[in-house]
Amino acid sequence: MLMWEISSGKPPFNNHEHDCDLALNIINGMRPKIISKVPLKYKNLMEQCWNANPSERPDIITLLKEIREIKLYYQNNPNELPQLKAKNI
């Protein structure tokens, strides 16, 4: 959820009551909508982190490696960095 908050600039589920219903919906697979211009590699990594099966989520070493690769790519290609604008999510 932290990756989603970084990309959207908003807390996840900010348009929902933070109650038992929301918790149950999340347990049942509800995820926040991903902002449209989020880079594909970042989006894929975020979705991997949301996997309901903890053993299928990336470990911290993999996560750090992937984030560093994404960061390096945009440092070397700053003109490709998307301008993310969160709408009413």
N, C-alpha and C. Protein backbone atom coordinates (compact mmCIF):
# COMPACT_ATOMS: atom_id res chain seq x y z
N MET A 1 0.82 -1.19 0.00
CA MET A 1 0.00 0.00 0.00
C MET A 1 0.86 1.26 0.00
N LEU A 2 2.06 1.15 0.55
CA LEU A 2 2.95 2.30 0.56
C LEU A 2 3.32 2.72 -0.86
N MET A 3 3.58 1.75 -1.73
CA MET A 3 3.90 2.09 -3.12
C MET A 3 2.73 2.80 -3.78
N TRP A 4 1.50 2.37 -3.46
CA TRP A 4 0.33 3.02 -4.03
C TRP A 4 0.23 4.46 -3.53
N GLU A 5 0.45 4.65 -2.24
CA GLU A 5 0.37 5.99 -1.66
C GLU A 5 1.44 6.91 -2.26
N ILE A 6 2.63 6.39 -2.49
CA ILE A 6 3.70 7.18 -3.11
C ILE A 6 3.29 7.59 -4.52
N SER A 7 2.73 6.67 -5.29
CA SER A 7 2.37 6.99 -6.68
C SER A 7 1.13 7.86 -6.80
N SER A 8 0.23 7.78 -5.85
CA SER A 8 -1.02 8.54 -5.95
C SER A 8 -0.98 9.86 -5.17
N GLY A 9 -0.12 9.91 -4.16
CA GLY A 9 -0.08 11.10 -3.31
C GLY A 9 -1.23 11.16 -2.31
N LYS A 10 -1.94 10.05 -2.17
CA LYS A 10 -3.08 9.99 -1.25
C LYS A 10 -3.03 8.69 -0.45
N PRO A 11 -3.63 8.70 0.74
CA PRO A 11 -3.72 7.44 1.48
C PRO A 11 -4.64 6.46 0.74
N PRO A 12 -4.35 5.16 0.81
CA PRO A 12 -5.22 4.19 0.15
C PRO A 12 -6.62 4.20 0.77
N PHE A 13 -7.60 4.02 -0.07
CA PHE A 13 -9.00 3.94 0.34
C PHE A 13 -9.45 5.20 1.08
N ASN A 14 -8.93 6.35 0.67
CA ASN A 14 -9.30 7.60 1.34
C ASN A 14 -10.75 7.98 1.11
N ASN A 15 -11.39 7.34 0.15
CA ASN A 15 -12.80 7.64 -0.12
C ASN A 15 -13.73 6.57 0.46
N HIS A 16 -13.20 5.76 1.37
CA HIS A 16 -13.99 4.73 2.04
C HIS A 16 -13.90 4.94 3.55
N GLU A 17 -14.93 4.52 4.24
CA GLU A 17 -14.87 4.47 5.70
C GLU A 17 -13.86 3.39 6.08
N HIS A 18 -13.00 3.69 7.01
CA HIS A 18 -12.03 2.70 7.48
C HIS A 18 -12.70 1.91 8.61
N ASP A 19 -13.41 0.87 8.21
CA ASP A 19 -14.20 0.09 9.15
C ASP A 19 -14.06 -1.40 8.84
N CYS A 20 -14.85 -2.20 9.51
CA CYS A 20 -14.80 -3.67 9.32
C CYS A 20 -15.12 -4.07 7.88
N ASP A 21 -16.06 -3.35 7.26
CA ASP A 21 -16.41 -3.68 5.88
C ASP A 21 -15.22 -3.50 4.95
N LEU A 22 -14.50 -2.41 5.12
CA LEU A 22 -13.31 -2.18 4.30
C LEU A 22 -12.28 -3.27 4.55
N ALA A 23 -12.04 -3.59 5.82
CA ALA A 23 -11.07 -4.64 6.15
C ALA A 23 -11.44 -5.96 5.48
N LEU A 24 -12.71 -6.32 5.54
CA LEU A 24 -13.16 -7.57 4.90
C LEU A 24 -13.01 -7.52 3.39
N ASN A 25 -13.31 -6.37 2.81
CA ASN A 25 -13.15 -6.22 1.36
C ASN A 25 -11.69 -6.38 0.95
N ILE A 26 -10.78 -5.82 1.74
CA ILE A 26 -9.34 -5.95 1.45
C ILE A 26 -8.92 -7.41 1.57
N ILE A 27 -9.37 -8.08 2.63
CA ILE A 27 -9.06 -9.50 2.81
C ILE A 27 -9.56 -10.31 1.61
N ASN A 28 -10.69 -9.90 1.06
CA ASN A 28 -11.28 -10.60 -0.08
C ASN A 28 -10.72 -10.15 -1.43
N GLY A 29 -9.67 -9.33 -1.41
CA GLY A 29 -8.98 -9.00 -2.65
C GLY A 29 -9.17 -7.59 -3.18
N MET A 30 -9.94 -6.77 -2.50
CA MET A 30 -10.12 -5.39 -2.97
C MET A 30 -8.78 -4.65 -2.88
N ARG A 31 -8.44 -3.97 -3.95
CA ARG A 31 -7.22 -3.16 -3.99
C ARG A 31 -7.57 -1.80 -4.56
N PRO A 32 -6.81 -0.77 -4.19
CA PRO A 32 -7.10 0.55 -4.77
C PRO A 32 -6.77 0.56 -6.25
N LYS A 33 -7.48 1.40 -6.99
CA LYS A 33 -7.23 1.55 -8.42
C LYS A 33 -5.88 2.23 -8.62
N ILE A 34 -5.08 1.68 -9.52
CA ILE A 34 -3.75 2.22 -9.78
C ILE A 34 -3.86 3.41 -10.72
N ILE A 35 -3.14 4.47 -10.40
CA ILE A 35 -3.13 5.69 -11.20
C ILE A 35 -2.69 5.34 -12.62
N SER A 36 -3.31 5.95 -13.62
CA SER A 36 -3.13 5.54 -15.02
C SER A 36 -1.70 5.66 -15.55
N LYS A 37 -0.93 6.63 -15.13
CA LYS A 37 0.40 6.81 -15.73
C LYS A 37 1.53 6.22 -14.90
N VAL A 38 1.20 5.36 -13.96
CA VAL A 38 2.23 4.69 -13.17
C VAL A 38 3.05 3.81 -14.11
N PRO A 39 4.38 3.91 -14.07
CA PRO A 39 5.21 3.08 -14.95
C PRO A 39 4.90 1.58 -14.76
N LEU A 40 4.92 0.86 -15.87
CA LEU A 40 4.54 -0.55 -15.87
C LEU A 40 5.35 -1.38 -14.88
N LYS A 41 6.67 -1.19 -14.84
CA LYS A 41 7.50 -1.98 -13.92
C LYS A 41 7.12 -1.71 -12.47
N TYR A 42 6.84 -0.44 -12.15
CA TYR A 42 6.42 -0.07 -10.80
C TYR A 42 5.06 -0.69 -10.49
N LYS A 43 4.15 -0.60 -11.44
CA LYS A 43 2.80 -1.17 -11.28
C LYS A 43 2.87 -2.67 -11.03
N ASN A 44 3.66 -3.36 -11.85
CA ASN A 44 3.79 -4.81 -11.70
C ASN A 44 4.38 -5.19 -10.34
N LEU A 45 5.38 -4.44 -9.90
CA LEU A 45 6.00 -4.70 -8.61
C LEU A 45 4.99 -4.47 -7.48
N MET A 46 4.24 -3.39 -7.58
CA MET A 46 3.23 -3.09 -6.58
C MET A 46 2.19 -4.21 -6.51
N GLU A 47 1.75 -4.68 -7.65
CA GLU A 47 0.75 -5.76 -7.68
C GLU A 47 1.33 -7.06 -7.11
N GLN A 48 2.61 -7.32 -7.34
CA GLN A 48 3.24 -8.50 -6.75
C GLN A 48 3.22 -8.40 -5.22
N CYS A 49 3.44 -7.20 -4.70
CA CYS A 49 3.44 -6.99 -3.25
C CYS A 49 2.05 -7.20 -2.66
N TRP A 50 1.02 -7.03 -3.47
CA TRP A 50 -0.36 -7.20 -3.01
C TRP A 50 -0.83 -8.64 -3.07
N ASN A 51 -0.01 -9.56 -3.53
CA ASN A 51 -0.44 -10.95 -3.68
C ASN A 51 -0.97 -11.47 -2.35
N ALA A 52 -2.11 -12.13 -2.38
CA ALA A 52 -2.72 -12.66 -1.17
C ALA A 52 -1.86 -13.74 -0.52
N ASN A 53 -1.03 -14.40 -1.31
CA ASN A 53 -0.15 -15.44 -0.79
C ASN A 53 1.21 -14.82 -0.45
N PRO A 54 1.53 -14.70 0.84
CA PRO A 54 2.80 -14.06 1.22
C PRO A 54 4.04 -14.69 0.59
N SER A 55 4.00 -15.99 0.34
CA SER A 55 5.18 -16.64 -0.24
C SER A 55 5.40 -16.25 -1.70
N GLU A 56 4.38 -15.64 -2.33
CA GLU A 56 4.52 -15.20 -3.72
C GLU A 56 4.86 -13.72 -3.84
N ARG A 57 4.94 -13.03 -2.71
CA ARG A 57 5.33 -11.62 -2.73
C ARG A 57 6.85 -11.53 -2.81
N PRO A 58 7.38 -10.45 -3.41
CA PRO A 58 8.84 -10.31 -3.45
C PRO A 58 9.40 -10.10 -2.04
N ASP A 59 10.58 -10.66 -1.81
CA ASP A 59 11.23 -10.40 -0.52
C ASP A 59 11.87 -9.02 -0.57
N ILE A 60 12.37 -8.55 0.56
CA ILE A 60 12.90 -7.19 0.64
C ILE A 60 14.10 -6.99 -0.28
N ILE A 61 14.92 -8.01 -0.46
CA ILE A 61 16.09 -7.90 -1.34
C ILE A 61 15.63 -7.68 -2.78
N THR A 62 14.66 -8.47 -3.22
CA THR A 62 14.11 -8.33 -4.57
C THR A 62 13.44 -6.98 -4.74
N LEU A 63 12.67 -6.59 -3.75
CA LEU A 63 11.97 -5.31 -3.80
C LEU A 63 12.96 -4.15 -3.93
N LEU A 64 13.98 -4.17 -3.11
CA LEU A 64 15.00 -3.12 -3.16
C LEU A 64 15.71 -3.10 -4.51
N LYS A 65 16.06 -4.27 -5.02
CA LYS A 65 16.73 -4.37 -6.33
C LYS A 65 15.85 -3.78 -7.43
N GLU A 66 14.58 -4.17 -7.45
CA GLU A 66 13.66 -3.68 -8.49
C GLU A 66 13.45 -2.17 -8.39
N ILE A 67 13.28 -1.66 -7.19
CA ILE A 67 13.09 -0.22 -7.02
C ILE A 67 14.33 0.54 -7.45
N ARG A 68 15.50 0.01 -7.13
CA ARG A 68 16.75 0.66 -7.57
C ARG A 68 16.85 0.67 -9.09
N GLU A 69 16.45 -0.42 -9.74
CA GLU A 69 16.49 -0.48 -11.21
C GLU A 69 15.53 0.55 -11.82
N ILE A 70 14.35 0.68 -11.24
CA ILE A 70 13.39 1.67 -11.73
C ILE A 70 13.95 3.08 -11.53
N LYS A 71 14.51 3.33 -10.37
CA LYS A 71 15.10 4.64 -10.08
C LYS A 71 16.23 4.96 -11.05
N LEU A 72 17.12 4.01 -11.27
CA LEU A 72 18.25 4.21 -12.18
C LEU A 72 17.76 4.49 -13.60
N TYR A 73 16.75 3.76 -14.04
CA TYR A 73 16.21 3.97 -15.38
C TYR A 73 15.74 5.42 -15.54
N TYR A 74 14.99 5.92 -14.58
CA TYR A 74 14.47 7.29 -14.71
C TYR A 74 15.53 8.36 -14.45
N GLN A 75 16.58 8.02 -13.72
CA GLN A 75 17.70 8.95 -13.60
C GLN A 75 18.40 9.10 -14.94
N ASN A 76 18.49 8.01 -15.69
CA ASN A 76 19.14 8.03 -16.99
C ASN A 76 18.21 8.47 -18.12
N ASN A 77 16.91 8.46 -17.87
CA ASN A 77 15.91 8.84 -18.87
C ASN A 77 14.86 9.77 -18.25
N PRO A 78 15.29 10.93 -17.76
CA PRO A 78 14.34 11.80 -17.04
C PRO A 78 13.17 12.28 -17.90
N ASN A 79 13.37 12.34 -19.20
CA ASN A 79 12.27 12.80 -20.08
C ASN A 79 11.13 11.78 -20.15
N GLU A 80 11.37 10.56 -19.70
CA GLU A 80 10.33 9.53 -19.72
C GLU A 80 9.58 9.42 -18.40
N LEU A 81 9.98 10.21 -17.42
CA LEU A 81 9.32 10.16 -16.12
C LEU A 81 7.91 10.71 -16.24
N PRO A 82 6.91 9.90 -15.95
CA PRO A 82 5.52 10.37 -16.11
C PRO A 82 5.15 11.40 -15.05
N GLN A 83 4.29 12.30 -15.42
CA GLN A 83 3.74 13.25 -14.47
C GLN A 83 2.44 12.65 -13.96
N LEU A 84 2.49 12.16 -12.75
CA LEU A 84 1.32 11.49 -12.18
C LEU A 84 0.40 12.52 -11.56
N LYS A 85 -0.86 12.39 -11.85
CA LYS A 85 -1.86 13.27 -11.27
C LYS A 85 -2.99 12.41 -10.75
N ALA A 86 -3.10 12.37 -9.45
CA ALA A 86 -4.18 11.59 -8.85
C ALA A 86 -5.49 12.34 -9.00
N LYS A 87 -6.49 11.62 -9.43
CA LYS A 87 -7.83 12.19 -9.52
C LYS A 87 -8.59 11.74 -8.28
N ASN A 88 -9.84 11.95 -8.25
CA ASN A 88 -10.66 11.50 -7.13
C ASN A 88 -10.68 9.98 -7.12
N ILE A 89 -9.85 9.40 -6.31
CA ILE A 89 -9.72 7.94 -6.28
C ILE A 89 -10.50 7.39 -5.12
